[in-house]
Amino acid sequence: MNFWEVASAALVFVVFFLVLMTILYFIHFQVKRKYRLQAKFHHPLKGRYIERYIPLDLRPKYEAMVVEQRTEMQRKANQSWKWQIWKWRRAIPKIAVIFTLSNLSPYVFGGEGRGLESFIVENDSNSDQAQRLSLIGGHSSAKRDLLWPYQNETESGWHWNLGVERHSGKVGGGTEFAGTRLSAGVGYKFNSKILVEANFGIHELRITNIDASTTRGTPHLKLVLSPVDWLWVILNTRNDYVYQEMYLPSGITEFSSASTVRLDLVARPHESLRVLGRSVEKWLSSSNFRQEQDVAAMYGISSTSPWIWFGAGTNYMSYSFRQSSLWTPSRFLSFGPRLEAAVPVRQGLSLIFDGAWNLNQEEGFAQTQGYGYAAGLRYGTRGDFEINVLYRESKTNSSGPGFSSYGALLSLIGSF
């Protein structure tokens, strides 16, 4: 056989093979189209669709199986560290922008040298099976604090604030949520007696497992006054979602928000005496109204270093009406001793503690006991570089069954 005969035979074989495969594929396609159904579902980790072929008569059963399998895969994915990193992907570029602007702000905004950056990781959970994980980044173009002035803080001037927050977690019943807030603000320090700030943010809250979301503006105004050297008055007004304060589950499931007015008074008429007062009023989007007042008197056993203060305080809280999806007592009163301490253990390292023990009385229930504390370590120099690691816990038996909450916080604050 010469070359042309071999080539002709090969060509005939190839044509025959292609025709045969086309016929077989056509038959297969017709059978599949008549008797089978192609179903797809998305794998949350692999990021692609997985295909399954099933008989048409099994379609209802398979659809139910797909839904169940998808739910189980999503549950496992939520427990994966890869998925946790992927959920936070949107916050990482925003934090990078905040960090970049913080270093450019003295040149762009005309600041007074290095500003102040803060990075906070916070985790909270409670006995109602609610969890929240927060990542918060912020920058101020200048260091400002009338109550405890920073070293070399200027007497007056403008300052600018930038912030980004990312919150995620879940509440009882399997509802999962994610919130993202971006904010910017401006402030002016007139002198050592008056400081004003105005801040505005955009806050998106999303229920991730049903893909429902809403977005709102979040204004915040702050005024700090010091009419005399031993008295400070701090007024804050804001409007925002309430889930960050663990108003759960309605804070998530109902996208609850509140307009808040908070007034703080700090008096130190003597080196070893402090009187603290706080009044908070909240107008919730559910038309409920909350009032809270807190007063404490503290005596400084050691008012410098170490910082040890002991005293007593009382707290009163009330709501205009009860809600089934939120702890809303008609009247709640607590009273008990309090302790604050910051004790240095070595150069730059201190043990910190803030705690209280209370007798609680809620209207319509028997008197109970409760406690709350935060304990941890602080390292560094304020205004330069400071790290705080805290563990928090509180427990009370109000409203019948006991309620407890736990949390941890890591913060880095300084000029970078």
Protein backbone atom coordinates (compact mmCIF):
# COMPACT_ATOMS: atom_id res chain seq x y z
CA MET A 1 0.00 0.00 0.00
CA ASN A 2 1.28 3.38 -0.92
CA PHE A 3 0.90 6.54 1.11
CA TRP A 4 -2.33 7.73 -0.56
CA GLU A 5 -4.07 4.44 0.08
CA VAL A 6 -3.15 4.57 3.79
CA ALA A 7 -4.29 8.20 4.04
CA SER A 8 -7.60 7.43 2.31
CA ALA A 9 -8.30 4.51 4.67
CA ALA A 10 -7.49 6.66 7.73
CA LEU A 11 -9.76 9.45 6.49
CA VAL A 12 -12.64 7.01 5.94
CA PHE A 13 -12.14 5.63 9.47
CA VAL A 14 -12.15 9.10 11.03
CA VAL A 15 -15.29 10.14 9.14
CA PHE A 16 -17.02 6.89 10.10
CA PHE A 17 -16.03 7.39 13.79
CA LEU A 18 -17.30 10.98 13.87
CA VAL A 19 -20.61 10.01 12.25
CA LEU A 20 -21.03 7.16 14.73
CA MET A 21 -20.28 9.37 17.75
CA THR A 22 -22.70 12.02 16.48
CA ILE A 23 -25.48 9.45 16.17
CA LEU A 24 -24.78 8.02 19.63
CA TYR A 25 -24.67 11.50 21.22
CA PHE A 26 -27.96 12.44 19.51
CA ILE A 27 -29.61 9.27 20.85
CA HIS A 28 -28.18 9.95 24.34
CA PHE A 29 -29.39 13.58 24.26
CA GLN A 30 -32.90 12.55 23.19
CA VAL A 31 -33.13 9.92 25.93
CA LYS A 32 -31.83 12.32 28.57
CA ARG A 33 -34.20 15.03 27.39
CA LYS A 34 -37.17 12.69 27.56
CA TYR A 35 -36.45 10.81 30.75
CA ARG A 36 -33.98 12.83 32.79
CA LEU A 37 -33.48 16.26 34.34
CA GLN A 38 -30.25 18.20 34.84
CA ALA A 39 -30.03 19.85 38.27
CA LYS A 40 -27.34 22.22 39.50
CA PHE A 41 -26.47 23.77 42.81
CA HIS A 42 -23.63 26.05 43.85
CA HIS A 43 -20.90 24.87 46.20
CA PRO A 44 -20.06 27.77 48.54
CA LEU A 45 -16.41 26.77 48.96
CA LYS A 46 -15.47 25.43 45.51
CA GLY A 47 -17.15 28.40 43.85
CA ARG A 48 -18.62 26.37 40.97
CA TYR A 49 -21.76 24.44 40.03
CA ILE A 50 -22.05 20.71 40.62
CA GLU A 51 -24.26 18.76 38.16
CA ARG A 52 -26.49 15.80 38.85
CA TYR A 53 -28.77 13.84 36.42
CA ILE A 54 -31.92 12.29 37.83
CA PRO A 55 -35.11 10.67 36.50
CA LEU A 56 -38.04 13.04 36.17
CA ASP A 57 -40.23 11.04 38.51
CA LEU A 58 -37.69 11.62 41.31
CA ARG A 59 -37.57 15.37 40.76
CA PRO A 60 -39.56 16.50 43.90
CA LYS A 61 -37.55 14.23 46.16
CA TYR A 62 -34.27 15.36 44.64
CA GLU A 63 -35.15 19.03 44.89
CA ALA A 64 -35.79 18.60 48.63
CA MET A 65 -32.49 16.73 48.93
CA VAL A 66 -30.64 19.53 47.12
CA VAL A 67 -32.05 22.14 49.51
CA GLU A 68 -31.06 20.04 52.53
CA GLN A 69 -27.60 19.36 51.12
CA ARG A 70 -27.08 23.03 50.30
CA THR A 71 -28.02 24.01 53.86
CA GLU A 72 -25.65 21.43 55.33
CA MET A 73 -22.81 22.50 53.03
CA GLN A 74 -23.38 26.14 53.97
CA ARG A 75 -23.30 25.23 57.66
CA LYS A 76 -19.98 23.42 57.24
CA ALA A 77 -18.65 26.26 55.14
CA ASN A 78 -19.48 28.77 57.86
CA GLN A 79 -17.30 26.74 60.22
CA SER A 80 -14.38 26.75 57.80
CA TRP A 81 -11.57 29.26 58.32
CA LYS A 82 -11.43 29.76 54.54
CA TRP A 83 -15.06 30.86 54.50
CA GLN A 84 -14.56 33.13 57.50
CA ILE A 85 -11.71 34.91 55.68
CA TRP A 86 -13.82 35.12 52.51
CA LYS A 87 -16.71 36.73 54.42
CA TRP A 88 -14.38 39.47 55.67
CA ARG A 89 -12.91 40.19 52.23
CA ARG A 90 -14.94 43.36 51.76
CA ALA A 91 -13.61 44.94 54.94
CA ILE A 92 -9.91 44.41 54.16
CA PRO A 93 -9.64 47.01 51.33
CA LYS A 94 -11.55 49.54 53.44
CA ILE A 95 -9.16 49.07 56.35
CA ALA A 96 -6.24 49.49 53.94
CA VAL A 97 -7.76 52.77 52.72
CA ILE A 98 -8.16 53.99 56.31
CA PHE A 99 -4.55 53.12 57.07
CA THR A 100 -3.30 54.89 53.92
CA LEU A 101 -5.33 58.03 54.57
CA SER A 102 -4.15 58.09 58.17
CA ASN A 103 -0.59 58.49 56.97
CA LEU A 104 -1.51 61.07 54.30
CA SER A 105 -3.89 63.11 56.47
CA PRO A 106 -1.29 65.53 57.89
CA TYR A 107 -0.50 66.57 54.32
CA VAL A 108 -4.03 66.39 52.85
CA PHE A 109 -6.01 67.85 55.78
CA GLY A 110 -3.35 70.02 57.33
CA GLY A 111 -3.14 68.13 60.60
CA GLU A 112 -0.65 68.61 63.40
CA GLY A 113 1.75 65.76 62.85
CA ARG A 114 0.93 62.15 63.57
CA GLY A 115 -2.70 61.36 64.26
CA LEU A 116 -4.19 58.42 66.08
CA GLU A 117 -5.17 55.04 64.62
CA SER A 118 -7.23 52.33 66.27
CA PHE A 119 -7.83 48.69 65.32
CA ILE A 120 -10.26 46.64 67.40
CA VAL A 121 -11.34 42.99 67.24
CA GLU A 122 -14.30 42.16 69.46
CA ASN A 123 -16.25 38.96 70.06
CA ASP A 124 -19.45 38.60 72.12
CA SER A 125 -21.85 35.75 72.82
CA ASN A 126 -24.65 35.10 75.29
CA SER A 127 -26.89 32.41 76.70
CA ASP A 128 -29.57 33.20 74.09
CA GLN A 129 -27.30 31.59 71.46
CA ALA A 130 -26.38 34.94 69.94
CA GLN A 131 -22.86 35.66 68.68
CA ARG A 132 -21.18 38.72 67.22
CA LEU A 133 -17.68 39.23 65.81
CA SER A 134 -16.60 42.80 65.03
CA LEU A 135 -13.60 44.30 63.27
CA ILE A 136 -13.28 48.08 63.68
CA GLY A 137 -10.69 50.42 62.22
CA GLY A 138 -10.47 54.18 62.69
CA HIS A 139 -8.26 57.20 62.26
CA SER A 140 -8.21 60.69 63.74
CA SER A 141 -5.91 63.31 62.24
CA ALA A 142 -5.13 64.71 65.71
CA LYS A 143 -5.16 63.54 69.33
CA ARG A 144 -8.09 64.99 71.27
CA ASP A 145 -9.30 64.30 74.83
CA LEU A 146 -10.52 66.95 77.27
CA LEU A 147 -10.86 64.56 80.21
CA TRP A 148 -7.38 63.09 79.92
CA PRO A 149 -5.30 65.23 77.55
CA TYR A 150 -2.57 63.58 75.50
CA GLN A 151 1.03 64.60 75.88
CA ASN A 152 1.77 67.56 73.58
CA GLU A 153 -1.91 67.91 72.64
CA THR A 154 -2.55 71.30 71.02
CA GLU A 155 -4.75 73.89 72.69
CA SER A 156 -7.12 74.24 69.72
CA GLY A 157 -7.60 73.21 66.09
CA TRP A 158 -9.48 71.08 63.55
CA HIS A 159 -9.34 67.31 63.30
CA TRP A 160 -10.77 64.70 60.92
CA ASN A 161 -12.10 61.20 61.59
CA LEU A 162 -12.43 58.17 59.32
CA GLY A 163 -13.83 54.79 60.29
CA VAL A 164 -14.80 51.36 58.97
CA GLU A 165 -16.63 48.60 60.82
CA ARG A 166 -17.48 45.02 59.92
CA HIS A 167 -19.81 42.97 62.13
CA SER A 168 -21.00 39.41 61.60
CA GLY A 169 -22.67 36.74 63.67
CA LYS A 170 -25.87 34.85 64.30
CA VAL A 171 -28.86 34.82 66.61
CA GLY A 172 -31.14 32.07 67.87
CA GLY A 173 -33.08 30.21 65.19
CA GLY A 174 -30.19 30.12 62.72
CA THR A 175 -30.44 33.74 61.52
CA GLU A 176 -27.04 34.94 60.32
CA PHE A 177 -26.17 38.58 59.78
CA ALA A 178 -23.42 40.88 58.52
CA GLY A 179 -23.13 44.63 58.94
CA THR A 180 -20.73 47.11 57.32
CA ARG A 181 -20.42 50.77 58.32
CA LEU A 182 -18.27 53.49 56.73
CA SER A 183 -18.02 56.88 58.39
CA ALA A 184 -16.25 60.23 58.19
CA GLY A 185 -16.39 63.25 60.43
CA VAL A 186 -14.89 66.57 61.43
CA GLY A 187 -14.30 68.16 64.80
CA TYR A 188 -12.95 71.33 66.34
CA LYS A 189 -11.33 71.94 69.71
CA PHE A 190 -11.94 75.55 70.71
CA ASN A 191 -9.82 75.34 73.87
CA SER A 192 -9.39 73.11 76.90
CA LYS A 193 -13.07 73.73 77.76
CA ILE A 194 -14.99 73.00 74.54
CA LEU A 195 -14.78 70.26 71.90
CA VAL A 196 -17.36 69.49 69.18
CA GLU A 197 -17.52 66.67 66.60
CA ALA A 198 -19.89 65.77 63.77
CA ASN A 199 -19.82 62.38 62.08
CA PHE A 200 -21.88 60.76 59.35
CA GLY A 201 -21.82 57.15 58.20
CA ILE A 202 -23.47 54.67 55.85
CA HIS A 203 -24.47 51.39 57.52
CA GLU A 204 -25.62 48.26 55.65
CA LEU A 205 -27.19 45.39 57.59
CA ARG A 206 -27.73 42.08 55.80
CA ILE A 207 -29.37 38.83 56.87
CA THR A 208 -27.05 36.55 54.94
CA ASN A 209 -28.94 33.25 54.96
CA ILE A 210 -32.04 34.78 53.31
CA ASP A 211 -30.22 37.54 51.40
CA ALA A 212 -32.27 40.42 52.88
CA SER A 213 -30.62 43.76 53.55
CA THR A 214 -31.24 47.42 54.30
CA THR A 215 -29.01 50.51 54.43
CA ARG A 216 -29.36 53.71 56.44
CA GLY A 217 -27.47 56.89 57.23
CA THR A 218 -25.98 57.14 60.72
CA PRO A 219 -25.43 60.71 61.96
CA HIS A 220 -23.52 61.28 65.20
CA LEU A 221 -22.97 64.57 67.06
CA LYS A 222 -20.75 64.99 70.12
CA LEU A 223 -20.19 67.93 72.48
CA VAL A 224 -17.69 67.97 75.35
CA LEU A 225 -17.68 70.81 77.89
CA SER A 226 -15.57 71.50 80.95
CA PRO A 227 -17.12 74.55 82.67
CA VAL A 228 -14.77 74.18 85.65
CA ASP A 229 -11.52 72.28 86.08
CA TRP A 230 -13.14 69.40 88.02
CA LEU A 231 -16.31 68.86 85.93
CA TRP A 232 -16.80 67.44 82.43
CA VAL A 233 -20.08 67.18 80.51
CA ILE A 234 -20.31 64.89 77.44
CA LEU A 235 -23.36 64.90 75.17
CA ASN A 236 -23.80 62.36 72.34
CA THR A 237 -26.68 62.07 69.89
CA ARG A 238 -26.85 59.43 67.18
CA ASN A 239 -29.10 57.25 65.04
CA ASP A 240 -28.05 53.73 64.10
CA TYR A 241 -28.96 50.05 64.20
CA VAL A 242 -29.04 48.52 67.68
CA TYR A 243 -27.74 44.99 66.97
CA GLN A 244 -24.20 46.11 67.87
CA GLU A 245 -25.37 46.58 71.45
CA MET A 246 -26.76 43.01 71.44
CA TYR A 247 -30.43 44.04 71.20
CA LEU A 248 -31.25 40.57 69.90
CA PRO A 249 -32.92 38.88 68.13
CA SER A 250 -35.22 41.73 67.01
CA GLY A 251 -32.20 43.95 66.41
CA ILE A 252 -31.47 41.68 63.43
CA THR A 253 -34.72 40.09 62.34
CA GLU A 254 -36.63 43.41 62.42
CA PHE A 255 -33.69 45.61 61.32
CA SER A 256 -34.26 47.60 64.50
CA SER A 257 -32.71 51.04 64.87
CA ALA A 258 -32.81 53.78 67.50
CA SER A 259 -32.29 57.49 67.98
CA THR A 260 -30.13 57.91 71.09
CA VAL A 261 -29.36 60.84 73.36
CA ARG A 262 -26.69 60.18 75.98
CA LEU A 263 -25.48 62.59 78.66
CA ASP A 264 -22.40 61.79 80.79
CA LEU A 265 -21.20 63.77 83.80
CA VAL A 266 -17.77 63.25 85.35
CA ALA A 267 -16.97 65.21 88.51
CA ARG A 268 -13.74 65.10 90.48
CA PRO A 269 -14.05 67.72 93.22
CA HIS A 270 -11.19 66.11 95.14
CA GLU A 271 -8.13 64.15 94.06
CA SER A 272 -9.52 61.01 95.70
CA LEU A 273 -13.21 61.41 94.85
CA ARG A 274 -15.05 60.88 91.57
CA VAL A 275 -18.77 61.10 90.94
CA LEU A 276 -20.00 59.56 87.66
CA GLY A 277 -23.43 60.00 86.12
CA ARG A 278 -25.00 58.73 82.89
CA SER A 279 -28.44 59.22 81.36
CA VAL A 280 -29.43 57.45 78.12
CA GLU A 281 -32.69 57.77 76.22
CA LYS A 282 -33.47 55.61 73.18
CA TRP A 283 -36.39 55.92 70.77
CA LEU A 284 -36.54 52.50 69.10
CA SER A 285 -37.95 51.95 65.60
CA SER A 286 -40.53 49.59 67.19
CA SER A 287 -42.04 52.73 68.86
CA ASN A 288 -40.68 51.56 72.22
CA PHE A 289 -38.88 54.03 74.47
CA ARG A 290 -36.03 53.17 76.82
CA GLN A 291 -34.66 55.19 79.70
CA GLU A 292 -31.50 54.39 81.65
CA GLN A 293 -29.77 56.24 84.47
CA ASP A 294 -26.56 55.24 86.21
CA VAL A 295 -24.86 56.99 89.15
CA ALA A 296 -21.69 55.97 91.00
CA ALA A 297 -19.43 57.45 93.65
CA MET A 298 -15.82 56.22 93.69
CA TYR A 299 -13.04 56.70 96.27
CA GLY A 300 -9.43 56.59 95.11
CA ILE A 301 -7.44 54.23 97.31
CA SER A 302 -4.58 55.04 94.94
CA SER A 303 -5.43 57.75 92.43
CA THR A 304 -2.24 57.78 90.33
CA SER A 305 -0.18 54.65 89.71
CA PRO A 306 -1.38 52.12 90.65
CA TRP A 307 -4.95 53.28 89.86
CA ILE A 308 -7.34 51.69 92.38
CA TRP A 309 -10.84 53.05 92.95
CA PHE A 310 -13.60 51.50 95.04
CA GLY A 311 -17.17 52.67 95.45
CA ALA A 312 -20.84 51.94 94.87
CA GLY A 313 -23.35 52.64 92.14
CA THR A 314 -26.94 52.18 91.09
CA ASN A 315 -28.60 51.65 87.71
CA TYR A 316 -32.23 52.16 86.70
CA MET A 317 -33.78 51.11 83.37
CA SER A 318 -37.31 51.09 81.98
CA TYR A 319 -39.22 50.54 78.71
CA SER A 320 -42.59 51.98 77.72
CA PHE A 321 -43.91 48.49 76.86
CA ARG A 322 -42.73 44.89 76.69
CA GLN A 323 -41.60 43.13 73.48
CA SER A 324 -41.49 39.37 73.06
CA SER A 325 -38.36 39.48 70.88
CA LEU A 326 -36.34 41.66 73.25
CA TRP A 327 -35.71 41.89 76.99
CA THR A 328 -37.78 44.98 77.82
CA PRO A 329 -38.47 45.25 81.56
CA SER A 330 -41.04 47.79 82.71
CA ARG A 331 -38.70 48.74 85.56
CA PHE A 332 -35.31 47.34 86.51
CA LEU A 333 -33.14 48.55 89.40
CA SER A 334 -29.71 47.37 90.50
CA PHE A 335 -27.34 48.48 93.24
CA GLY A 336 -23.95 47.30 94.47
CA PRO A 337 -20.21 47.84 94.94
CA ARG A 338 -17.83 48.65 92.07
CA LEU A 339 -14.08 48.41 91.60
CA GLU A 340 -11.67 49.89 89.02
CA ALA A 341 -7.97 49.06 88.95
CA ALA A 342 -4.91 49.42 86.73
CA VAL A 343 -1.83 47.98 88.42
CA PRO A 344 1.61 48.09 86.73
CA VAL A 345 3.51 44.81 86.91
CA ARG A 346 6.54 45.86 84.86
CA GLN A 347 7.68 48.65 82.56
CA GLY A 348 4.79 49.44 80.19
CA LEU A 349 2.65 46.45 81.28
CA SER A 350 -0.39 46.72 83.56
CA LEU A 351 -3.15 44.50 84.88
CA ILE A 352 -6.57 46.13 84.42
CA PHE A 353 -9.90 45.29 86.04
CA ASP A 354 -13.36 46.86 86.06
CA GLY A 355 -16.14 45.04 87.88
CA ALA A 356 -19.39 45.31 89.79
CA TRP A 357 -21.63 43.08 91.91
CA ASN A 358 -25.31 43.94 92.08
CA LEU A 359 -28.62 43.21 93.73
CA ASN A 360 -31.24 43.30 90.96
CA GLN A 361 -34.94 44.00 91.20
CA GLU A 362 -37.19 43.72 88.15
CA GLU A 363 -40.85 44.63 88.45
CA GLY A 364 -42.94 41.50 88.79
CA PHE A 365 -40.02 39.20 89.72
CA ALA A 366 -38.14 38.24 92.85
CA GLN A 367 -34.91 39.96 93.81
CA THR A 368 -31.80 38.38 92.28
CA GLN A 369 -28.05 38.84 92.20
CA GLY A 370 -25.70 39.52 89.32
CA TYR A 371 -22.18 40.53 88.43
CA GLY A 372 -20.13 41.85 85.57
CA TYR A 373 -16.44 42.41 85.03
CA ALA A 374 -13.72 43.00 82.47
CA ALA A 375 -10.15 41.91 83.14
CA GLY A 376 -7.00 41.85 81.06
CA LEU A 377 -3.64 43.36 80.19
CA ARG A 378 -2.53 46.70 78.82
CA TYR A 379 0.86 47.25 77.26
CA GLY A 380 2.50 50.36 75.83
CA THR A 381 2.32 54.12 76.16
CA ARG A 382 -0.91 56.05 75.67
CA GLY A 383 -0.91 58.09 72.47
CA ASP A 384 2.17 56.35 71.08
CA PHE A 385 1.41 52.63 70.94
CA GLU A 386 -0.93 50.70 73.21
CA ILE A 387 -2.32 47.14 73.21
CA ASN A 388 -5.29 46.04 75.30
CA VAL A 389 -6.44 42.44 75.74
CA LEU A 390 -9.66 42.00 77.72
CA TYR A 391 -12.04 39.25 78.74
CA ARG A 392 -15.58 40.24 79.76
CA GLU A 393 -18.31 38.33 81.54
CA SER A 394 -21.66 39.19 83.09
CA LYS A 395 -24.45 37.16 84.62
CA THR A 396 -27.86 37.90 86.08
CA ASN A 397 -30.95 35.91 87.02
CA SER A 398 -33.47 38.58 86.08
CA SER A 399 -36.73 37.62 84.34
CA GLY A 400 -36.79 34.07 85.70
CA PRO A 401 -34.08 32.02 83.93
CA GLY A 402 -30.51 33.21 84.22
CA PHE A 403 -28.86 35.26 81.52
CA SER A 404 -25.12 35.37 80.87
CA SER A 405 -22.84 36.96 78.31
CA TYR A 406 -19.17 36.53 77.47
CA GLY A 407 -16.78 38.46 75.30
CA ALA A 408 -13.18 39.23 74.43
CA LEU A 409 -11.55 42.32 73.00
CA LEU A 410 -8.20 43.08 71.38
CA SER A 411 -7.34 46.69 70.59
CA LEU A 412 -4.30 48.41 69.10
CA ILE A 413 -4.26 52.19 69.50
CA GLY A 414 -1.47 54.56 68.59
CA SER A 415 0.37 56.56 65.97
CA PHE A 416 1.79 54.33 63.25
